[in-house]
């Protein structure tokens, strides 16, 4: 099992609407087998400075593509908007990726309205990361 830790600090500051936009590329990893699956887990804080509507959805992706198994998402309610953000874990299993290098990114969209300044690791505490595990062979 290959394991890669991608630390992240103060990523983002993007405005968004009701379609997904990229908050940040987190980093890259190398997959050794074409038949294995990837388990990727973001652990840290997510934040949106201001938003209208009911909230925002953050999504973990690999090579800018969402997983085909369930969703790798976490929500931030409009009442939680502000510079501090909330603790969040976003986890997804990604099948069908080729062997070789891949890039992890996190995206955001408004549930039913726009938002400003979507961030990962607000406050720049350097405590956020994505852990990438290669499962199987």
N, C-alpha and C. Protein backbone atom coordinates (compact mmCIF):
# COMPACT_ATOMS: atom_id res chain seq x y z
N UNK A 1 0.85 -1.18 0.00
CA UNK A 1 0.00 0.00 0.00
C UNK A 1 0.89 1.24 0.00
N UNK A 2 0.72 2.09 -1.00
CA UNK A 2 1.41 3.37 -1.05
C UNK A 2 0.62 4.40 -0.25
N UNK A 3 1.33 5.27 0.44
CA UNK A 3 0.71 6.32 1.25
C UNK A 3 1.43 7.63 0.96
N UNK A 4 0.65 8.67 0.63
CA UNK A 4 1.21 9.99 0.37
C UNK A 4 0.45 11.01 1.21
N UNK A 5 1.17 11.88 1.90
CA UNK A 5 0.54 12.95 2.67
C UNK A 5 0.85 14.27 1.96
N UNK A 6 -0.21 15.00 1.64
CA UNK A 6 -0.09 16.28 0.96
C UNK A 6 -0.49 17.40 1.92
N UNK A 7 0.48 18.05 2.57
CA UNK A 7 0.13 19.13 3.49
C UNK A 7 -0.36 20.35 2.72
N UNK A 8 -1.15 21.17 3.40
CA UNK A 8 -1.70 22.33 2.72
C UNK A 8 -1.82 23.48 3.69
N UNK A 9 -1.57 24.69 3.19
CA UNK A 9 -1.58 25.87 4.05
C UNK A 9 -2.23 27.03 3.30
N UNK A 10 -3.24 27.62 3.90
CA UNK A 10 -3.86 28.85 3.38
C UNK A 10 -4.20 28.76 1.89
N UNK A 11 -4.92 27.76 1.49
CA UNK A 11 -5.22 27.59 0.07
C UNK A 11 -6.58 28.19 -0.27
N UNK A 12 -6.67 28.80 -1.42
CA UNK A 12 -7.96 29.28 -1.90
C UNK A 12 -8.06 30.77 -2.04
N UNK A 13 -9.22 31.29 -1.67
CA UNK A 13 -9.65 32.67 -1.84
C UNK A 13 -10.31 32.84 -3.20
N UNK A 14 -11.27 31.96 -3.50
CA UNK A 14 -11.99 32.03 -4.76
C UNK A 14 -13.46 32.37 -4.52
N UNK A 15 -14.02 33.11 -5.45
CA UNK A 15 -15.46 33.39 -5.45
C UNK A 15 -16.15 32.31 -6.28
N UNK A 16 -17.41 32.05 -5.99
CA UNK A 16 -18.10 30.96 -6.67
C UNK A 16 -19.57 31.27 -6.81
N UNK A 17 -20.23 30.46 -7.65
CA UNK A 17 -21.67 30.55 -7.84
C UNK A 17 -22.22 29.14 -7.72
N UNK A 18 -23.21 28.79 -8.52
CA UNK A 18 -23.88 27.49 -8.38
C UNK A 18 -23.30 26.41 -9.28
N UNK A 19 -22.13 26.63 -9.84
CA UNK A 19 -21.38 25.57 -10.53
C UNK A 19 -20.01 25.49 -9.88
N UNK A 20 -19.44 24.30 -9.88
CA UNK A 20 -18.16 24.09 -9.20
C UNK A 20 -17.03 24.91 -9.81
N UNK A 21 -16.19 25.48 -8.94
CA UNK A 21 -14.93 26.12 -9.31
C UNK A 21 -13.85 25.57 -8.40
N UNK A 22 -12.64 25.52 -8.91
CA UNK A 22 -11.52 24.97 -8.15
C UNK A 22 -11.07 25.94 -7.07
N UNK A 23 -11.00 25.44 -5.83
CA UNK A 23 -10.45 26.22 -4.73
C UNK A 23 -8.93 26.17 -4.79
N UNK A 24 -8.37 24.95 -4.97
CA UNK A 24 -6.92 24.80 -5.00
C UNK A 24 -6.51 23.41 -5.46
N UNK A 25 -5.36 23.34 -6.10
CA UNK A 25 -4.67 22.07 -6.28
C UNK A 25 -3.92 21.82 -4.97
N UNK A 26 -4.10 20.65 -4.41
CA UNK A 26 -3.49 20.33 -3.13
C UNK A 26 -2.08 19.77 -3.32
N UNK A 27 -1.89 18.92 -4.31
CA UNK A 27 -0.60 18.30 -4.57
C UNK A 27 -0.76 17.08 -5.44
N UNK A 28 0.34 16.40 -5.69
CA UNK A 28 0.34 15.24 -6.58
C UNK A 28 0.84 13.99 -5.87
N UNK A 29 0.46 12.85 -6.42
CA UNK A 29 0.91 11.55 -5.93
C UNK A 29 1.13 10.65 -7.14
N UNK A 30 1.81 9.53 -6.93
CA UNK A 30 2.05 8.57 -7.99
C UNK A 30 1.37 7.26 -7.65
N UNK A 31 0.56 6.78 -8.56
CA UNK A 31 -0.17 5.52 -8.41
C UNK A 31 0.64 4.44 -9.11
N UNK A 32 0.87 3.32 -8.42
CA UNK A 32 1.76 2.30 -8.98
C UNK A 32 1.06 1.24 -9.82
N UNK A 33 -0.24 1.01 -9.60
CA UNK A 33 -0.94 -0.06 -10.29
C UNK A 33 -2.22 0.46 -10.96
N UNK A 34 -2.45 0.04 -12.18
CA UNK A 34 -3.66 0.46 -12.89
C UNK A 34 -4.92 -0.17 -12.32
N UNK A 35 -4.79 -1.28 -11.58
CA UNK A 35 -5.98 -1.97 -11.06
C UNK A 35 -6.34 -1.59 -9.63
N UNK A 36 -5.52 -0.82 -8.97
CA UNK A 36 -5.82 -0.42 -7.60
C UNK A 36 -6.80 0.75 -7.58
N UNK A 37 -7.34 1.02 -6.39
CA UNK A 37 -8.20 2.17 -6.15
C UNK A 37 -7.45 3.15 -5.25
N UNK A 38 -7.87 4.39 -5.30
CA UNK A 38 -7.28 5.42 -4.45
C UNK A 38 -8.31 5.87 -3.41
N UNK A 39 -7.89 5.89 -2.16
CA UNK A 39 -8.68 6.47 -1.08
C UNK A 39 -8.00 7.79 -0.72
N UNK A 40 -8.72 8.90 -0.90
CA UNK A 40 -8.19 10.23 -0.59
C UNK A 40 -9.03 10.85 0.51
N UNK A 41 -8.36 11.42 1.52
CA UNK A 41 -9.05 12.00 2.66
C UNK A 41 -8.49 13.38 2.97
N UNK A 42 -9.33 14.40 2.89
CA UNK A 42 -8.97 15.74 3.33
C UNK A 42 -9.38 15.88 4.78
N UNK A 43 -8.49 16.43 5.59
CA UNK A 43 -8.78 16.72 6.98
C UNK A 43 -8.26 18.12 7.29
N UNK A 44 -9.14 18.99 7.71
CA UNK A 44 -8.74 20.36 8.01
C UNK A 44 -9.97 21.22 8.21
N UNK A 45 -9.85 22.49 7.89
CA UNK A 45 -10.97 23.41 8.01
C UNK A 45 -11.35 23.90 6.61
N UNK A 46 -12.65 24.16 6.41
CA UNK A 46 -13.13 24.79 5.19
C UNK A 46 -13.83 26.08 5.60
N UNK A 47 -13.77 27.08 4.73
CA UNK A 47 -14.38 28.37 5.08
C UNK A 47 -14.86 29.09 3.83
N UNK A 48 -15.88 29.90 4.01
CA UNK A 48 -16.37 30.84 3.02
C UNK A 48 -16.61 32.14 3.77
N UNK A 49 -16.06 33.22 3.27
CA UNK A 49 -16.19 34.49 3.98
C UNK A 49 -17.64 34.97 4.02
N UNK A 50 -18.31 34.99 2.86
CA UNK A 50 -19.71 35.41 2.79
C UNK A 50 -20.42 34.59 1.72
N UNK A 51 -21.72 34.33 1.92
CA UNK A 51 -22.49 33.65 0.88
C UNK A 51 -23.97 33.95 1.05
N UNK A 52 -24.68 33.81 -0.07
CA UNK A 52 -26.13 33.89 -0.03
C UNK A 52 -26.66 32.48 -0.29
N UNK A 53 -27.92 32.29 -0.13
CA UNK A 53 -28.46 30.94 -0.28
C UNK A 53 -28.27 30.16 1.01
N UNK A 54 -28.34 28.84 0.91
CA UNK A 54 -28.30 28.01 2.11
C UNK A 54 -26.91 27.54 2.50
N UNK A 55 -25.94 27.58 1.58
CA UNK A 55 -24.60 27.15 1.92
C UNK A 55 -23.76 26.82 0.71
N UNK A 56 -22.65 26.12 0.97
CA UNK A 56 -21.70 25.75 -0.08
C UNK A 56 -21.29 24.30 0.10
N UNK A 57 -20.94 23.67 -1.00
CA UNK A 57 -20.45 22.29 -0.99
C UNK A 57 -19.02 22.26 -1.49
N UNK A 58 -18.12 21.66 -0.69
CA UNK A 58 -16.73 21.45 -1.08
C UNK A 58 -16.59 20.01 -1.56
N UNK A 59 -15.83 19.80 -2.64
CA UNK A 59 -15.68 18.47 -3.23
C UNK A 59 -14.22 18.16 -3.51
N UNK A 60 -13.80 16.97 -3.12
CA UNK A 60 -12.45 16.47 -3.37
C UNK A 60 -12.44 15.79 -4.73
N UNK A 61 -11.43 16.10 -5.54
CA UNK A 61 -11.31 15.51 -6.88
C UNK A 61 -9.88 15.07 -7.15
N UNK A 62 -9.75 14.17 -8.11
CA UNK A 62 -8.44 13.77 -8.61
C UNK A 62 -8.42 14.05 -10.10
N UNK A 63 -7.37 14.73 -10.55
CA UNK A 63 -7.24 15.17 -11.94
C UNK A 63 -8.46 15.98 -12.37
N UNK A 64 -8.98 16.78 -11.46
CA UNK A 64 -10.14 17.66 -11.68
C UNK A 64 -11.44 16.91 -11.96
N UNK A 65 -11.49 15.62 -11.65
CA UNK A 65 -12.67 14.79 -11.92
C UNK A 65 -13.20 14.23 -10.59
N UNK A 66 -14.52 14.36 -10.34
CA UNK A 66 -15.07 13.78 -9.12
C UNK A 66 -15.06 12.24 -9.17
N UNK A 67 -15.13 11.62 -8.02
CA UNK A 67 -15.20 10.16 -7.97
C UNK A 67 -16.51 9.67 -8.57
N UNK A 68 -16.49 8.46 -9.08
CA UNK A 68 -17.71 7.85 -9.61
C UNK A 68 -18.42 7.01 -8.55
N UNK A 69 -17.83 6.91 -7.35
CA UNK A 69 -18.43 6.17 -6.23
C UNK A 69 -18.92 7.15 -5.18
N UNK A 70 -20.23 7.28 -5.06
CA UNK A 70 -20.86 8.19 -4.10
C UNK A 70 -20.32 9.61 -4.35
N UNK A 71 -20.13 10.41 -3.31
CA UNK A 71 -19.59 11.76 -3.44
C UNK A 71 -18.52 11.97 -2.40
N UNK A 72 -17.48 12.68 -2.75
CA UNK A 72 -16.45 13.07 -1.81
C UNK A 72 -16.68 14.54 -1.48
N UNK A 73 -17.66 14.80 -0.61
CA UNK A 73 -18.10 16.18 -0.36
C UNK A 73 -18.31 16.46 1.12
N UNK A 74 -18.31 17.77 1.44
CA UNK A 74 -18.71 18.25 2.76
C UNK A 74 -19.38 19.60 2.57
N UNK A 75 -20.34 19.89 3.42
CA UNK A 75 -21.12 21.13 3.29
C UNK A 75 -20.79 22.13 4.38
N UNK A 76 -20.94 23.39 4.02
CA UNK A 76 -20.80 24.50 4.95
C UNK A 76 -22.10 25.30 4.87
N UNK A 77 -22.83 25.40 5.98
CA UNK A 77 -24.09 26.13 5.98
C UNK A 77 -23.82 27.64 5.92
N UNK A 78 -24.76 28.38 5.37
CA UNK A 78 -24.61 29.83 5.27
C UNK A 78 -24.40 30.45 6.65
N UNK A 79 -25.03 29.89 7.67
CA UNK A 79 -24.86 30.43 9.03
C UNK A 79 -23.46 30.19 9.58
N UNK A 80 -22.67 29.33 8.94
CA UNK A 80 -21.29 29.05 9.37
C UNK A 80 -20.26 29.88 8.61
N UNK A 81 -20.71 30.74 7.69
CA UNK A 81 -19.80 31.58 6.92
C UNK A 81 -19.03 32.51 7.85
N UNK A 82 -17.80 32.79 7.47
CA UNK A 82 -16.95 33.69 8.25
C UNK A 82 -15.51 33.25 8.15
N UNK A 83 -14.59 34.01 8.67
CA UNK A 83 -13.17 33.75 8.48
C UNK A 83 -12.63 32.51 9.22
N UNK A 84 -13.36 32.01 10.21
CA UNK A 84 -12.87 30.87 10.98
C UNK A 84 -13.16 29.53 10.32
N UNK A 85 -14.24 29.43 9.57
CA UNK A 85 -14.61 28.17 8.94
C UNK A 85 -15.05 27.13 9.95
N UNK A 86 -15.11 25.89 9.47
CA UNK A 86 -15.50 24.76 10.33
C UNK A 86 -14.55 23.60 10.08
N UNK A 87 -14.38 22.71 11.07
CA UNK A 87 -13.59 21.50 10.85
C UNK A 87 -14.32 20.62 9.84
N UNK A 88 -13.56 19.98 8.95
CA UNK A 88 -14.19 19.16 7.91
C UNK A 88 -13.30 17.99 7.53
N UNK A 89 -13.96 16.89 7.20
CA UNK A 89 -13.30 15.74 6.60
C UNK A 89 -14.04 15.44 5.31
N UNK A 90 -13.28 15.27 4.24
CA UNK A 90 -13.86 14.90 2.94
C UNK A 90 -13.11 13.66 2.47
N UNK A 91 -13.86 12.57 2.23
CA UNK A 91 -13.23 11.30 1.88
C UNK A 91 -13.89 10.73 0.64
N UNK A 92 -13.07 10.15 -0.24
CA UNK A 92 -13.61 9.50 -1.43
C UNK A 92 -12.74 8.39 -1.93
N UNK A 93 -13.36 7.40 -2.57
CA UNK A 93 -12.64 6.31 -3.22
C UNK A 93 -12.71 6.56 -4.72
N UNK A 94 -11.56 6.50 -5.37
CA UNK A 94 -11.45 6.82 -6.79
C UNK A 94 -10.97 5.58 -7.55
N UNK A 95 -11.87 4.89 -8.26
CA UNK A 95 -11.48 3.73 -9.06
C UNK A 95 -11.11 4.17 -10.48
N UNK A 96 -10.44 3.27 -11.21
CA UNK A 96 -10.23 3.48 -12.64
C UNK A 96 -9.15 4.45 -13.03
N UNK A 97 -8.32 4.90 -12.08
CA UNK A 97 -7.22 5.79 -12.44
C UNK A 97 -6.06 4.99 -12.99
N UNK A 98 -5.40 5.50 -13.98
CA UNK A 98 -4.24 4.83 -14.55
C UNK A 98 -3.06 4.89 -13.59
N UNK A 99 -2.08 4.03 -13.80
CA UNK A 99 -0.83 4.12 -13.06
C UNK A 99 -0.13 5.41 -13.49
N UNK A 100 0.61 6.02 -12.56
CA UNK A 100 1.32 7.24 -12.89
C UNK A 100 0.95 8.39 -11.98
N UNK A 101 1.31 9.60 -12.39
CA UNK A 101 1.11 10.80 -11.57
C UNK A 101 -0.31 11.33 -11.70
N UNK A 102 -0.85 11.79 -10.56
CA UNK A 102 -2.19 12.36 -10.49
C UNK A 102 -2.18 13.55 -9.53
N UNK A 103 -3.11 14.48 -9.73
CA UNK A 103 -3.20 15.69 -8.91
C UNK A 103 -4.52 15.73 -8.14
N UNK A 104 -4.43 16.05 -6.86
CA UNK A 104 -5.60 16.18 -5.99
C UNK A 104 -5.99 17.66 -5.93
N UNK A 105 -7.29 17.92 -6.04
CA UNK A 105 -7.79 19.29 -5.93
C UNK A 105 -9.08 19.30 -5.13
N UNK A 106 -9.44 20.49 -4.65
CA UNK A 106 -10.70 20.67 -3.94
C UNK A 106 -11.47 21.80 -4.61
N UNK A 107 -12.76 21.57 -4.83
CA UNK A 107 -13.64 22.47 -5.55
C UNK A 107 -14.77 22.93 -4.63
N UNK A 108 -15.49 23.99 -5.02
CA UNK A 108 -16.61 24.50 -4.24
C UNK A 108 -17.71 24.98 -5.17
N UNK A 109 -18.97 24.85 -4.71
CA UNK A 109 -20.11 25.45 -5.41
C UNK A 109 -21.12 25.91 -4.38
N UNK A 110 -21.91 26.90 -4.75
CA UNK A 110 -22.98 27.38 -3.89
C UNK A 110 -24.20 26.48 -4.03
N UNK A 111 -24.87 26.21 -2.93
CA UNK A 111 -26.06 25.36 -2.97
C UNK A 111 -27.15 26.01 -3.80
N UNK A 112 -27.38 27.30 -3.63
CA UNK A 112 -28.38 28.00 -4.43
C UNK A 112 -28.11 29.50 -4.45
N UNK A 113 -26.84 29.86 -4.47
CA UNK A 113 -26.45 31.26 -4.53
C UNK A 113 -24.94 31.41 -4.50
N UNK A 114 -24.45 32.61 -4.73
CA UNK A 114 -23.00 32.83 -4.80
C UNK A 114 -22.36 32.96 -3.42
N UNK A 115 -21.03 32.90 -3.43
CA UNK A 115 -20.24 33.11 -2.23
C UNK A 115 -18.91 33.75 -2.58
N UNK A 116 -18.27 34.32 -1.58
CA UNK A 116 -16.97 34.96 -1.79
C UNK A 116 -15.93 34.35 -0.87
N UNK A 117 -14.74 34.27 -1.39
CA UNK A 117 -13.56 33.85 -0.62
C UNK A 117 -13.70 32.48 0.02
N UNK A 118 -13.75 31.43 -0.80
CA UNK A 118 -13.70 30.05 -0.28
C UNK A 118 -12.25 29.71 0.02
N UNK A 119 -12.00 29.15 1.20
CA UNK A 119 -10.65 28.85 1.68
C UNK A 119 -10.55 27.42 2.20
N UNK A 120 -9.33 26.92 2.19
CA UNK A 120 -8.96 25.71 2.92
C UNK A 120 -7.89 26.14 3.92
N UNK A 121 -7.93 25.62 5.12
CA UNK A 121 -7.01 26.00 6.19
C UNK A 121 -7.07 27.50 6.49
N UNK A 122 -8.28 28.05 6.74
CA UNK A 122 -8.35 29.47 7.11
C UNK A 122 -7.59 29.70 8.41
N UNK A 123 -6.92 30.80 8.48
CA UNK A 123 -6.09 31.10 9.65
C UNK A 123 -4.66 30.62 9.48
N UNK A 124 -4.42 29.86 8.43
CA UNK A 124 -3.05 29.41 8.07
C UNK A 124 -2.37 28.66 9.22
N UNK A 125 -3.09 27.74 9.82
CA UNK A 125 -2.56 26.99 10.95
C UNK A 125 -1.64 25.85 10.53
N UNK A 126 -1.62 25.52 9.24
CA UNK A 126 -0.81 24.42 8.72
C UNK A 126 -1.18 23.09 9.36
N UNK A 127 -2.48 22.89 9.56
CA UNK A 127 -2.93 21.63 10.14
C UNK A 127 -3.78 20.83 9.16
N UNK A 128 -3.98 21.33 7.95
CA UNK A 128 -4.79 20.64 6.95
C UNK A 128 -3.89 19.79 6.05
N UNK A 129 -4.46 18.68 5.57
CA UNK A 129 -3.73 17.84 4.63
C UNK A 129 -4.69 16.91 3.91
N UNK A 130 -4.21 16.33 2.83
CA UNK A 130 -4.89 15.24 2.16
C UNK A 130 -3.99 14.02 2.26
N UNK A 131 -4.55 12.92 2.74
CA UNK A 131 -3.83 11.65 2.79
C UNK A 131 -4.35 10.80 1.64
N UNK A 132 -3.43 10.31 0.82
CA UNK A 132 -3.78 9.50 -0.35
C UNK A 132 -3.24 8.09 -0.11
N UNK A 133 -4.14 7.10 -0.18
CA UNK A 133 -3.75 5.70 0.01
C UNK A 133 -4.10 4.92 -1.25
N UNK A 134 -3.17 4.10 -1.72
CA UNK A 134 -3.44 3.21 -2.85
C UNK A 134 -3.87 1.86 -2.28
N UNK A 135 -5.05 1.41 -2.65
CA UNK A 135 -5.64 0.19 -2.12
C UNK A 135 -5.62 -0.91 -3.16
N UNK A 136 -5.14 -2.08 -2.81
CA UNK A 136 -5.12 -3.20 -3.73
C UNK A 136 -3.93 -3.14 -4.66
N UNK A 137 -3.96 -4.03 -5.66
CA UNK A 137 -2.85 -4.09 -6.60
C UNK A 137 -3.31 -3.95 -8.01
